[in-house]
Amino acid sequence: MDEYRRATMFFDAGDPIRAAQILAPIVAAEPDHSDVRLLLARAYFHSAQLSRAEEQLRLLIERNPSDHYVQFVLGRTLERQNRPAEALPHLRMASAMHPSDEYAETLRRVSAKA
C-alpha cells in the first residue's frame, strides 16, 4: 500500500488530480478496499470530476448505506452537479445518522435550492 500512502500525500498537499491518477489503478486491482475507493471519490470530488465521484460513492453506499460520511459526500456531489432534489435524501440521511453543524447547514442550503 505504498501507492496509497503516496496518493494520500498528494491529496493532503492539494493535488487531488495526481492522487486520483495513483488511486484509480489500485481500486481497479483491489475493488473491495472501501478506504481506497473513498479517497478516490474525494479526489474526484475535489478535482471537479463529479460524475466519477458519484460513481465511486454510489458503489460505497451499495456496500454500506449506513456510512453517514459517504451519504454526505454523495449529497454534496449531487449538489455541485446542480441536482439538489437528488442530493436531499442523502443529506437528510447523513444528518439523521450523524448530527453535525456542517451537515445541518448543507441540508438547509440544499433544501432552499430544491
PDB file of N, CA and C in Angstrom:
ATOM      1  N   MET A   1       0.820  -1.210   0.000  1.00  0.00           N
ATOM      2  CA  MET A   1       0.000   0.000   0.000  1.00  0.00           C
ATOM      3  C   MET A   1       0.857   1.263   0.000  1.00  0.00           C
ATOM      4  N   ASP A   2       2.060   1.174  -0.459  1.00  0.00           N
ATOM      5  CA  ASP A   2       2.896   2.363  -0.568  1.00  0.00           C
ATOM      6  C   ASP A   2       2.270   3.383  -1.507  1.00  0.00           C
ATOM      7  N   GLU A   3       1.638   2.905  -2.559  1.00  0.00           N
ATOM      8  CA  GLU A   3       0.984   3.813  -3.514  1.00  0.00           C
ATOM      9  C   GLU A   3      -0.179   4.543  -2.852  1.00  0.00           C
ATOM     10  N   TYR A   4      -0.902   3.854  -1.968  1.00  0.00           N
ATOM     11  CA  TYR A   4      -1.995   4.501  -1.249  1.00  0.00           C
ATOM     12  C   TYR A   4      -1.461   5.637  -0.383  1.00  0.00           C
ATOM     13  N   ARG A   5      -0.384   5.390   0.327  1.00  0.00           N
ATOM     14  CA  ARG A   5       0.223   6.447   1.155  1.00  0.00           C
ATOM     15  C   ARG A   5       0.689   7.608   0.279  1.00  0.00           C
ATOM     16  N   ARG A   6       1.268   7.284  -0.863  1.00  0.00           N
ATOM     17  CA  ARG A   6       1.720   8.326  -1.791  1.00  0.00           C
ATOM     18  C   ARG A   6       0.530   9.154  -2.295  1.00  0.00           C
ATOM     19  N   ALA A   7      -0.551   8.475  -2.630  1.00  0.00           N
ATOM     20  CA  ALA A   7      -1.764   9.175  -3.088  1.00  0.00           C
ATOM     21  C   ALA A   7      -2.320  10.064  -1.986  1.00  0.00           C
ATOM     22  N   THR A   8      -2.300   9.575  -0.758  1.00  0.00           N
ATOM     23  CA  THR A   8      -2.772  10.367   0.378  1.00  0.00           C
ATOM     24  C   THR A   8      -1.932  11.624   0.540  1.00  0.00           C
ATOM     25  N   MET A   9      -0.632  11.495   0.352  1.00  0.00           N
ATOM     26  CA  MET A   9       0.237  12.669   0.450  1.00  0.00           C
ATOM     27  C   MET A   9      -0.110  13.696  -0.628  1.00  0.00           C
ATOM     28  N   PHE A  10      -0.344  13.241  -1.839  1.00  0.00           N
ATOM     29  CA  PHE A  10      -0.735  14.171  -2.906  1.00  0.00           C
ATOM     30  C   PHE A  10      -2.075  14.826  -2.585  1.00  0.00           C
ATOM     31  N   PHE A  11      -3.028  14.031  -2.098  1.00  0.00           N
ATOM     32  CA  PHE A  11      -4.339  14.580  -1.755  1.00  0.00           C
ATOM     33  C   PHE A  11      -4.212  15.628  -0.663  1.00  0.00           C
ATOM     34  N   ASP A  12      -3.489  15.290   0.399  1.00  0.00           N
ATOM     35  CA  ASP A  12      -3.308  16.214   1.520  1.00  0.00           C
ATOM     36  C   ASP A  12      -2.543  17.473   1.115  1.00  0.00           C
ATOM     37  N   ALA A  13      -1.687  17.356   0.102  1.00  0.00           N
ATOM     38  CA  ALA A  13      -0.909  18.502  -0.371  1.00  0.00           C
ATOM     39  C   ALA A  13      -1.699  19.358  -1.363  1.00  0.00           C
ATOM     40  N   GLY A  14      -2.960  18.985  -1.623  1.00  0.00           N
ATOM     41  CA  GLY A  14      -3.794  19.806  -2.503  1.00  0.00           C
ATOM     42  C   GLY A  14      -3.701  19.439  -3.971  1.00  0.00           C
ATOM     43  N   ASP A  15      -3.280  18.216  -4.278  1.00  0.00           N
ATOM     44  CA  ASP A  15      -3.204  17.769  -5.670  1.00  0.00           C
ATOM     45  C   ASP A  15      -4.110  16.550  -5.871  1.00  0.00           C
ATOM     46  N   PRO A  16      -5.442  16.777  -5.877  1.00  0.00           N
ATOM     47  CA  PRO A  16      -6.356  15.640  -5.991  1.00  0.00           C
ATOM     48  C   PRO A  16      -6.285  14.942  -7.347  1.00  0.00           C
ATOM     49  N   ILE A  17      -5.890  15.651  -8.379  1.00  0.00           N
ATOM     50  CA  ILE A  17      -5.793  15.009  -9.697  1.00  0.00           C
ATOM     51  C   ILE A  17      -4.711  13.934  -9.677  1.00  0.00           C
ATOM     52  N   ARG A  18      -3.560  14.278  -9.155  1.00  0.00           N
ATOM     53  CA  ARG A  18      -2.466  13.292  -9.075  1.00  0.00           C
ATOM     54  C   ARG A  18      -2.850  12.149  -8.141  1.00  0.00           C
ATOM     55  N   ALA A  19      -3.515  12.473  -7.052  1.00  0.00           N
ATOM     56  CA  ALA A  19      -3.973  11.426  -6.131  1.00  0.00           C
ATOM     57  C   ALA A  19      -4.904  10.458  -6.854  1.00  0.00           C
ATOM     58  N   ALA A  20      -5.842  10.984  -7.631  1.00  0.00           N
ATOM     59  CA  ALA A  20      -6.780  10.134  -8.371  1.00  0.00           C
ATOM     60  C   ALA A  20      -6.051   9.262  -9.384  1.00  0.00           C
ATOM     61  N   GLN A  21      -5.046   9.815 -10.034  1.00  0.00           N
ATOM     62  CA  GLN A  21      -4.282   9.036 -11.008  1.00  0.00           C
ATOM     63  C   GLN A  21      -3.589   7.847 -10.346  1.00  0.00           C
ATOM     64  N   ILE A  22      -3.145   8.029  -9.134  1.00  0.00           N
ATOM     65  CA  ILE A  22      -2.484   6.942  -8.405  1.00  0.00           C
ATOM     66  C   ILE A  22      -3.512   5.940  -7.874  1.00  0.00           C
ATOM     67  N   LEU A  23      -4.653   6.449  -7.410  1.00  0.00           N
ATOM     68  CA  LEU A  23      -5.652   5.601  -6.764  1.00  0.00           C
ATOM     69  C   LEU A  23      -6.471   4.762  -7.733  1.00  0.00           C
ATOM     70  N   ALA A  24      -6.751   5.275  -8.911  1.00  0.00           N
ATOM     71  CA  ALA A  24      -7.624   4.558  -9.851  1.00  0.00           C
ATOM     72  C   ALA A  24      -7.130   3.139 -10.136  1.00  0.00           C
ATOM     73  N   PRO A  25      -5.848   2.934 -10.438  1.00  0.00           N
ATOM     74  CA  PRO A  25      -5.409   1.555 -10.669  1.00  0.00           C
ATOM     75  C   PRO A  25      -5.455   0.674  -9.419  1.00  0.00           C
ATOM     76  N   ILE A  26      -5.293   1.277  -8.249  1.00  0.00           N
ATOM     77  CA  ILE A  26      -5.383   0.498  -7.011  1.00  0.00           C
ATOM     78  C   ILE A  26      -6.805  -0.014  -6.836  1.00  0.00           C
ATOM     79  N   VAL A  27      -7.784   0.866  -7.054  1.00  0.00           N
ATOM     80  CA  VAL A  27      -9.188   0.469  -6.928  1.00  0.00           C
ATOM     81  C   VAL A  27      -9.532  -0.585  -7.975  1.00  0.00           C
ATOM     82  N   ALA A  28      -9.020  -0.431  -9.175  1.00  0.00           N
ATOM     83  CA  ALA A  28      -9.278  -1.419 -10.228  1.00  0.00           C
ATOM     84  C   ALA A  28      -8.725  -2.789  -9.835  1.00  0.00           C
ATOM     85  N   ALA A  29      -7.561  -2.805  -9.215  1.00  0.00           N
ATOM     86  CA  ALA A  29      -6.922  -4.066  -8.830  1.00  0.00           C
ATOM     87  C   ALA A  29      -7.519  -4.656  -7.552  1.00  0.00           C
ATOM     88  N   GLU A  30      -7.965  -3.788  -6.655  1.00  0.00           N
ATOM     89  CA  GLU A  30      -8.481  -4.229  -5.362  1.00  0.00           C
ATOM     90  C   GLU A  30      -9.796  -3.506  -5.055  1.00  0.00           C
ATOM     91  N   PRO A  31     -10.874  -3.857  -5.768  1.00  0.00           N
ATOM     92  CA  PRO A  31     -12.129  -3.102  -5.666  1.00  0.00           C
ATOM     93  C   PRO A  31     -12.837  -3.185  -4.311  1.00  0.00           C
ATOM     94  N   ASP A  32     -12.437  -4.099  -3.449  1.00  0.00           N
ATOM     95  CA  ASP A  32     -13.120  -4.246  -2.165  1.00  0.00           C
ATOM     96  C   ASP A  32     -12.574  -3.360  -1.060  1.00  0.00           C
ATOM     97  N   HIS A  33     -11.523  -2.603  -1.326  1.00  0.00           N
ATOM     98  CA  HIS A  33     -10.941  -1.716  -0.318  1.00  0.00           C
ATOM     99  C   HIS A  33     -11.712  -0.394  -0.289  1.00  0.00           C
ATOM    100  N   SER A  34     -12.646  -0.304   0.633  1.00  0.00           N
ATOM    101  CA  SER A  34     -13.513   0.869   0.717  1.00  0.00           C
ATOM    102  C   SER A  34     -12.752   2.143   1.045  1.00  0.00           C
ATOM    103  N   ASP A  35     -11.715   2.046   1.873  1.00  0.00           N
ATOM    104  CA  ASP A  35     -10.976   3.256   2.228  1.00  0.00           C
ATOM    105  C   ASP A  35     -10.268   3.849   1.010  1.00  0.00           C
ATOM    106  N   VAL A  36      -9.750   2.994   0.149  1.00  0.00           N
ATOM    107  CA  VAL A  36      -9.091   3.473  -1.076  1.00  0.00           C
ATOM    108  C   VAL A  36     -10.130   4.076  -2.014  1.00  0.00           C
ATOM    109  N   ARG A  37     -11.262   3.410  -2.149  1.00  0.00           N
ATOM    110  CA  ARG A  37     -12.337   3.914  -3.025  1.00  0.00           C
ATOM    111  C   ARG A  37     -12.860   5.258  -2.524  1.00  0.00           C
ATOM    112  N   LEU A  38     -12.989   5.414  -1.204  1.00  0.00           N
ATOM    113  CA  LEU A  38     -13.461   6.688  -0.657  1.00  0.00           C
ATOM    114  C   LEU A  38     -12.460   7.803  -0.945  1.00  0.00           C
ATOM    115  N   LEU A  39     -11.195   7.539  -0.783  1.00  0.00           N
ATOM    116  CA  LEU A  39     -10.202   8.572  -1.090  1.00  0.00           C
ATOM    117  C   LEU A  39     -10.226   8.903  -2.582  1.00  0.00           C
ATOM    118  N   LEU A  40     -10.427   7.910  -3.430  1.00  0.00           N
ATOM    119  CA  LEU A  40     -10.553   8.170  -4.865  1.00  0.00           C
ATOM    120  C   LEU A  40     -11.773   9.053  -5.134  1.00  0.00           C
ATOM    121  N   ALA A  41     -12.891   8.740  -4.508  1.00  0.00           N
ATOM    122  CA  ALA A  41     -14.106   9.558  -4.687  1.00  0.00           C
ATOM    123  C   ALA A  41     -13.860  10.991  -4.229  1.00  0.00           C
ATOM    124  N   ARG A  42     -13.193  11.160  -3.108  1.00  0.00           N
ATOM    125  CA  ARG A  42     -12.894  12.509  -2.613  1.00  0.00           C
ATOM    126  C   ARG A  42     -11.943  13.242  -3.557  1.00  0.00           C
ATOM    127  N   ALA A  43     -10.961  12.524  -4.101  1.00  0.00           N
ATOM    128  CA  ALA A  43     -10.041  13.144  -5.063  1.00  0.00           C
ATOM    129  C   ALA A  43     -10.804  13.593  -6.306  1.00  0.00           C
ATOM    130  N   TYR A  44     -11.706  12.760  -6.777  1.00  0.00           N
ATOM    131  CA  TYR A  44     -12.538  13.152  -7.917  1.00  0.00           C
ATOM    132  C   TYR A  44     -13.399  14.373  -7.566  1.00  0.00           C
ATOM    133  N   PHE A  45     -14.000  14.357  -6.384  1.00  0.00           N
ATOM    134  CA  PHE A  45     -14.833  15.480  -5.947  1.00  0.00           C
ATOM    135  C   PHE A  45     -14.028  16.780  -5.929  1.00  0.00           C
ATOM    136  N   HIS A  46     -12.851  16.726  -5.326  1.00  0.00           N
ATOM    137  CA  HIS A  46     -12.032  17.932  -5.179  1.00  0.00           C
ATOM    138  C   HIS A  46     -11.395  18.394  -6.483  1.00  0.00           C
ATOM    139  N   SER A  47     -11.372  17.536  -7.479  1.00  0.00           N
ATOM    140  CA  SER A  47     -10.849  17.941  -8.786  1.00  0.00           C
ATOM    141  C   SER A  47     -11.982  18.151  -9.787  1.00  0.00           C
ATOM    142  N   ALA A  48     -13.209  18.266  -9.278  1.00  0.00           N
ATOM    143  CA  ALA A  48     -14.402  18.557 -10.077  1.00  0.00           C
ATOM    144  C   ALA A  48     -14.691  17.491 -11.134  1.00  0.00           C
ATOM    145  N   GLN A  49     -14.286  16.270 -10.862  1.00  0.00           N
ATOM    146  CA  GLN A  49     -14.667  15.134 -11.704  1.00  0.00           C
ATOM    147  C   GLN A  49     -15.885  14.487 -11.040  1.00  0.00           C
ATOM    148  N   LEU A  50     -16.983  15.221 -11.088  1.00  0.00           N
ATOM    149  CA  LEU A  50     -18.130  14.898 -10.245  1.00  0.00           C
ATOM    150  C   LEU A  50     -18.852  13.621 -10.648  1.00  0.00           C
ATOM    151  N   SER A  51     -18.942  13.321 -11.916  1.00  0.00           N
ATOM    152  CA  SER A  51     -19.614  12.075 -12.304  1.00  0.00           C
ATOM    153  C   SER A  51     -18.791  10.870 -11.858  1.00  0.00           C
ATOM    154  N   ARG A  52     -17.487  10.989 -11.916  1.00  0.00           N
ATOM    155  CA  ARG A  52     -16.631   9.903 -11.418  1.00  0.00           C
ATOM    156  C   ARG A  52     -16.754   9.767  -9.912  1.00  0.00           C
ATOM    157  N   ALA A  53     -16.813  10.882  -9.209  1.00  0.00           N
ATOM    158  CA  ALA A  53     -17.001  10.846  -7.753  1.00  0.00           C
ATOM    159  C   ALA A  53     -18.330  10.176  -7.424  1.00  0.00           C
ATOM    160  N   GLU A  54     -19.370  10.564  -8.132  1.00  0.00           N
ATOM    161  CA  GLU A  54     -20.699   9.986  -7.891  1.00  0.00           C
ATOM    162  C   GLU A  54     -20.678   8.471  -8.085  1.00  0.00           C
ATOM    163  N   GLU A  55     -20.035   8.018  -9.131  1.00  0.00           N
ATOM    164  CA  GLU A  55     -19.958   6.581  -9.409  1.00  0.00           C
ATOM    165  C   GLU A  55     -19.305   5.831  -8.244  1.00  0.00           C
ATOM    166  N   GLN A  56     -18.193   6.339  -7.755  1.00  0.00           N
ATOM    167  CA  GLN A  56     -17.493   5.684  -6.649  1.00  0.00           C
ATOM    168  C   GLN A  56     -18.320   5.716  -5.368  1.00  0.00           C
ATOM    169  N   LEU A  57     -18.956   6.839  -5.107  1.00  0.00           N
ATOM    170  CA  LEU A  57     -19.755   6.986  -3.884  1.00  0.00           C
ATOM    171  C   LEU A  57     -20.980   6.078  -3.905  1.00  0.00           C
ATOM    172  N   ARG A  58     -21.609   5.942  -5.051  1.00  0.00           N
ATOM    173  CA  ARG A  58     -22.771   5.042  -5.139  1.00  0.00           C
ATOM    174  C   ARG A  58     -22.367   3.591  -4.877  1.00  0.00           C
ATOM    175  N   LEU A  59     -21.199   3.199  -5.361  1.00  0.00           N
ATOM    176  CA  LEU A  59     -20.705   1.848  -5.076  1.00  0.00           C
ATOM    177  C   LEU A  59     -20.481   1.658  -3.574  1.00  0.00           C
ATOM    178  N   LEU A  60     -19.927   2.678  -2.933  1.00  0.00           N
ATOM    179  CA  LEU A  60     -19.701   2.598  -1.488  1.00  0.00           C
ATOM    180  C   LEU A  60     -21.020   2.513  -0.723  1.00  0.00           C
ATOM    181  N   ILE A  61     -22.022   3.261  -1.152  1.00  0.00           N
ATOM    182  CA  ILE A  61     -23.321   3.244  -0.471  1.00  0.00           C
ATOM    183  C   ILE A  61     -24.015   1.897  -0.662  1.00  0.00           C
ATOM    184  N   GLU A  62     -23.836   1.291  -1.836  1.00  0.00           N
ATOM    185  CA  GLU A  62     -24.402  -0.052  -2.037  1.00  0.00           C
ATOM    186  C   GLU A  62     -23.836  -1.025  -1.005  1.00  0.00           C
ATOM    187  N   ARG A  63     -22.580  -0.891  -0.698  1.00  0.00           N
ATOM    188  CA  ARG A  63     -21.919  -1.785   0.258  1.00  0.00           C
ATOM    189  C   ARG A  63     -22.280  -1.458   1.699  1.00  0.00           C
ATOM    190  N   ASN A  64     -22.414  -0.169   1.991  1.00  0.00           N
ATOM    191  CA  ASN A  64     -22.653   0.241   3.375  1.00  0.00           C
ATOM    192  C   ASN A  64     -23.516   1.504   3.401  1.00  0.00           C
ATOM    193  N   PRO A  65     -24.829   1.338   3.312  1.00  0.00           N
ATOM    194  CA  PRO A  65     -25.708   2.518   3.291  1.00  0.00           C
ATOM    195  C   PRO A  65     -25.727   3.303   4.598  1.00  0.00           C
ATOM    196  N   SER A  66     -25.161   2.747   5.656  1.00  0.00           N
ATOM    197  CA  SER A  66     -25.171   3.440   6.944  1.00  0.00           C
ATOM    198  C   SER A  66     -23.934   4.308   7.173  1.00  0.00           C
ATOM    199  N   ASP A  67     -23.120   4.489   6.155  1.00  0.00           N
ATOM    200  CA  ASP A  67     -21.938   5.349   6.289  1.00  0.00           C
ATOM    201  C   ASP A  67     -22.376   6.798   6.065  1.00  0.00           C
ATOM    202  N   HIS A  68     -22.506   7.526   7.150  1.00  0.00           N
ATOM    203  CA  HIS A  68     -23.015   8.898   7.069  1.00  0.00           C
ATOM    204  C   HIS A  68     -22.114   9.790   6.226  1.00  0.00           C
ATOM    205  N   TYR A  69     -20.820   9.608   6.323  1.00  0.00           N
ATOM    206  CA  TYR A  69     -19.907  10.478   5.575  1.00  0.00           C
ATOM    207  C   TYR A  69     -20.044  10.258   4.064  1.00  0.00           C
ATOM    208  N   VAL A  70     -20.159   9.023   3.651  1.00  0.00           N
ATOM    209  CA  VAL A  70     -20.341   8.733   2.221  1.00  0.00           C
ATOM    210  C   VAL A  70     -21.674   9.314   1.745  1.00  0.00           C
ATOM    211  N   GLN A  71     -22.714   9.185   2.561  1.00  0.00           N
ATOM    212  CA  GLN A  71     -24.007   9.791   2.207  1.00  0.00           C
ATOM    213  C   GLN A  71     -23.854  11.306   2.040  1.00  0.00           C
ATOM    214  N   PHE A  72     -23.123  11.921   2.961  1.00  0.00           N
ATOM    215  CA  PHE A  72     -22.923  13.368   2.910  1.00  0.00           C
ATOM    216  C   PHE A  72     -22.154  13.777   1.655  1.00  0.00           C
ATOM    217  N   VAL A  73     -21.069  13.090   1.374  1.00  0.00           N
ATOM    218  CA  VAL A  73     -20.251  13.460   0.207  1.00  0.00           C
ATOM    219  C   VAL A  73     -21.028  13.225  -1.088  1.00  0.00           C
ATOM    220  N   LEU A  74     -21.835  12.168  -1.146  1.00  0.00           N
ATOM    221  CA  LEU A  74     -22.666  11.973  -2.337  1.00  0.00           C
ATOM    222  C   LEU A  74     -23.671  13.117  -2.467  1.00  0.00           C
ATOM    223  N   GLY A  75     -24.274  13.522  -1.359  1.00  0.00           N
ATOM    224  CA  GLY A  75     -25.186  14.663  -1.393  1.00  0.00           C
ATOM    225  C   GLY A  75     -24.502  15.924  -1.899  1.00  0.00           C
ATOM    226  N   ARG A  76     -23.309  16.169  -1.410  1.00  0.00           N
ATOM    227  CA  ARG A  76     -22.541  17.353  -1.867  1.00  0.00           C
ATOM    228  C   ARG A  76     -22.174  17.241  -3.343  1.00  0.00           C
ATOM    229  N   THR A  77     -21.849  16.037  -3.784  1.00  0.00           N
ATOM    230  CA  THR A  77     -21.503  15.817  -5.190  1.00  0.00           C
ATOM    231  C   THR A  77     -22.708  16.111  -6.076  1.00  0.00           C
ATOM    232  N   LEU A  78     -23.857  15.636  -5.669  1.00  0.00           N
ATOM    233  CA  LEU A  78     -25.076  15.901  -6.445  1.00  0.00           C
ATOM    234  C   LEU A  78     -25.432  17.383  -6.402  1.00  0.00           C
ATOM    235  N   GLU A  79     -25.221  18.021  -5.264  1.00  0.00           N
ATOM    236  CA  GLU A  79     -25.463  19.463  -5.167  1.00  0.00           C
ATOM    237  C   GLU A  79     -24.582  20.215  -6.160  1.00  0.00           C
ATOM    238  N   ARG A  80     -23.310  19.871  -6.208  1.00  0.00           N
ATOM    239  CA  ARG A  80     -22.382  20.553  -7.114  1.00  0.00           C
ATOM    240  C   ARG A  80     -22.740  20.311  -8.583  1.00  0.00           C
ATOM    241  N   GLN A  81     -23.471  19.242  -8.849  1.00  0.00           N
ATOM    242  CA  GLN A  81     -23.927  18.971 -10.211  1.00  0.00           C
ATOM    243  C   GLN A  81     -25.291  19.627 -10.483  1.00  0.00           C
ATOM    244  N   ASN A  82     -25.706  20.484  -9.570  1.00  0.00           N
ATOM    245  CA  ASN A  82     -26.989  21.187  -9.672  1.00  0.00           C
ATOM    246  C   ASN A  82     -28.161  20.204  -9.718  1.00  0.00           C
ATOM    247  N   ARG A  83     -28.114  19.239  -8.821  1.00  0.00           N
ATOM    248  CA  ARG A  83     -29.164  18.229  -8.692  1.00  0.00           C
ATOM    249  C   ARG A  83     -29.636  18.186  -7.241  1.00  0.00           C
ATOM    250  N   PRO A  84     -30.151  19.333  -6.739  1.00  0.00           N
ATOM    251  CA  PRO A  84     -30.483  19.407  -5.310  1.00  0.00           C
ATOM    252  C   PRO A  84     -31.562  18.416  -4.871  1.00  0.00           C
ATOM    253  N   ALA A  85     -32.551  18.165  -5.711  1.00  0.00           N
ATOM    254  CA  ALA A  85     -33.611  17.227  -5.318  1.00  0.00           C
ATOM    255  C   ALA A  85     -33.047  15.824  -5.109  1.00  0.00           C
ATOM    256  N   GLU A  86     -32.059  15.435  -5.895  1.00  0.00           N
ATOM    257  CA  GLU A  86     -31.428  14.125  -5.731  1.00  0.00           C
ATOM    258  C   GLU A  86     -30.479  14.122  -4.533  1.00  0.00           C
ATOM    259  N   ALA A  87     -29.924  15.270  -4.214  1.00  0.00           N
ATOM    260  CA  ALA A  87     -28.990  15.369  -3.095  1.00  0.00           C
ATOM    261  C   ALA A  87     -29.696  15.274  -1.743  1.00  0.00           C
ATOM    262  N   LEU A  88     -30.911  15.787  -1.659  1.00  0.00           N
ATOM    263  CA  LEU A  88     -31.610  15.888  -0.371  1.00  0.00           C
ATOM    264  C   LEU A  88     -31.720  14.573   0.401  1.00  0.00           C
ATOM    265  N   PRO A  89     -32.143  13.468  -0.214  1.00  0.00           N
ATOM    266  CA  PRO A  89     -32.261  12.246   0.586  1.00  0.00           C
ATOM    267  C   PRO A  89     -30.931  11.820   1.226  1.00  0.00           C
ATOM    268  N   HIS A  90     -29.846  12.006   0.516  1.00  0.00           N
ATOM    269  CA  HIS A  90     -28.544  11.618   1.048  1.00  0.00           C
ATOM    270  C   HIS A  90     -28.120  12.558   2.174  1.00  0.00           C
ATOM    271  N   LEU A  91     -28.396  13.827   2.016  1.00  0.00           N
ATOM    272  CA  LEU A  91     -28.047  14.793   3.065  1.00  0.00           C
ATOM    273  C   LEU A  91     -28.920  14.593   4.300  1.00  0.00           C
ATOM    274  N   ARG A  92     -30.184  14.291   4.084  1.00  0.00           N
ATOM    275  CA  ARG A  92     -31.073  14.011   5.225  1.00  0.00           C
ATOM    276  C   ARG A  92     -30.601  12.778   5.988  1.00  0.00           C
ATOM    277  N   MET A  93     -30.232  11.753   5.228  1.00  0.00           N
ATOM    278  CA  MET A  93     -29.755  10.517   5.854  1.00  0.00           C
ATOM    279  C   MET A  93     -28.493  10.789   6.668  1.00  0.00           C
ATOM    280  N   ALA A  94     -27.564  11.519   6.088  1.00  0.00           N
ATOM    281  CA  ALA A  94     -26.319  11.836   6.793  1.00  0.00           C
ATOM    282  C   ALA A  94     -26.613  12.602   8.074  1.00  0.00           C
ATOM    283  N   SER A  95     -27.495  13.599   7.982  1.00  0.00           N
ATOM    284  CA  SER A  95     -27.833  14.411   9.155  1.00  0.00           C
ATOM    285  C   SER A  95     -28.514  13.591  10.237  1.00  0.00           C
ATOM    286  N   ALA A  96     -29.366  12.664   9.833  1.00  0.00           N
ATOM    287  CA  ALA A  96     -30.068  11.832  10.806  1.00  0.00           C
ATOM    288  C   ALA A  96     -29.110  10.871  11.506  1.00  0.00           C
ATOM    289  N   MET A  97     -28.152  10.355  10.767  1.00  0.00           N
ATOM    290  CA  MET A  97     -27.221   9.379  11.340  1.00  0.00           C
ATOM    291  C   MET A  97     -26.129  10.023  12.179  1.00  0.00           C
ATOM    292  N   HIS A  98     -25.761  11.257  11.809  1.00  0.00           N
ATOM    293  CA  HIS A  98     -24.633  11.898  12.483  1.00  0.00           C
ATOM    294  C   HIS A  98     -24.883  13.408  12.551  1.00  0.00           C
ATOM    295  N   PRO A  99     -25.643  13.850  13.546  1.00  0.00           N
ATOM    296  CA  PRO A  99     -25.923  15.281  13.635  1.00  0.00           C
ATOM    297  C   PRO A  99     -24.634  16.097  13.763  1.00  0.00           C
ATOM    298  N   SER A 100     -24.487  17.056  12.865  1.00  0.00           N
ATOM    299  CA  SER A 100     -23.342  17.969  12.937  1.00  0.00           C
ATOM    300  C   SER A 100     -23.762  19.294  12.327  1.00  0.00           C
ATOM    301  N   ASP A 101     -23.075  20.341  12.713  1.00  0.00           N
ATOM    302  CA  ASP A 101     -23.382  21.663  12.166  1.00  0.00           C
ATOM    303  C   ASP A 101     -23.171  21.704  10.658  1.00  0.00           C
ATOM    304  N   GLU A 102     -22.089  21.096  10.182  1.00  0.00           N
ATOM    305  CA  GLU A 102     -21.802  21.110   8.752  1.00  0.00           C
ATOM    306  C   GLU A 102     -22.900  20.394   7.965  1.00  0.00           C
ATOM    307  N   TYR A 103     -23.334  19.251   8.446  1.00  0.00           N
ATOM    308  CA  TYR A 103     -24.380  18.504   7.760  1.00  0.00           C
ATOM    309  C   TYR A 103     -25.692  19.298   7.771  1.00  0.00           C
ATOM    310  N   ALA A 104     -26.025  19.876   8.919  1.00  0.00           N
ATOM    311  CA  ALA A 104     -27.274  20.632   9.043  1.00  0.00           C
ATOM    312  C   ALA A 104     -27.268  21.855   8.137  1.00  0.00           C
ATOM    313  N   GLU A 105     -26.167  22.573   8.098  1.00  0.00           N
ATOM    314  CA  GLU A 105     -26.069  23.763   7.243  1.00  0.00           C
ATOM    315  C   GLU A 105     -26.173  23.382   5.769  1.00  0.00           C
ATOM    316  N   THR A 106     -25.522  22.330   5.376  1.00  0.00           N
ATOM    317  CA  THR A 106     -25.592  21.880   3.989  1.00  0.00           C
ATOM    318  C   THR A 106     -27.016  21.464   3.649  1.00  0.00           C
ATOM    319  N   LEU A 107     -27.661  20.755   4.543  1.00  0.00           N
ATOM    320  CA  LEU A 107     -29.045  20.341   4.323  1.00  0.00           C
ATOM    321  C   LEU A 107     -29.958  21.555   4.157  1.00  0.00           C
ATOM    322  N   ARG A 108     -29.791  22.578   4.994  1.00  0.00           N
ATOM    323  CA  ARG A 108     -30.612  23.805   4.861  1.00  0.00           C
ATOM    324  C   ARG A 108     -30.372  24.475   3.502  1.00  0.00           C
ATOM    325  N   ARG A 109     -29.120  24.599   3.118  1.00  0.00           N
ATOM    326  CA  ARG A 109     -28.771  25.260   1.860  1.00  0.00           C
ATOM    327  C   ARG A 109     -29.372  24.509   0.664  1.00  0.00           C
ATOM    328  N   VAL A 110     -29.232  23.199   0.652  1.00  0.00           N
ATOM    329  CA  VAL A 110     -29.733  22.417  -0.473  1.00  0.00           C
ATOM    330  C   VAL A 110     -31.253  22.373  -0.468  1.00  0.00           C
ATOM    331  N   SER A 111     -31.864  22.326   0.716  1.00  0.00           N
ATOM    332  CA  SER A 111     -33.333  22.355   0.804  1.00  0.00           C
ATOM    333  C   SER A 111     -33.889  23.640   0.201  1.00  0.00           C
ATOM    334  N   ALA A 112     -33.198  24.740   0.402  1.00  0.00           N
ATOM    335  CA  ALA A 112     -33.637  26.025  -0.156  1.00  0.00           C
ATOM    336  C   ALA A 112     -33.562  26.032  -1.681  1.00  0.00           C
ATOM    337  N   LYS A 113     -32.638  25.262  -2.240  1.00  0.00           N
ATOM    338  CA  LYS A 113     -32.485  25.197  -3.703  1.00  0.00           C
ATOM    339  C   LYS A 113     -33.488  24.275  -4.364  1.00  0.00           C
ATOM    340  N   ALA A 114     -33.933  23.264  -3.602  1.00  0.00           N
ATOM    341  CA  ALA A 114     -34.783  22.221  -4.204  1.00  0.00           C
ATOM    342  C   ALA A 114     -36.219  22.671  -4.400  1.00  0.00           C
TER     343      ALA A 114
END
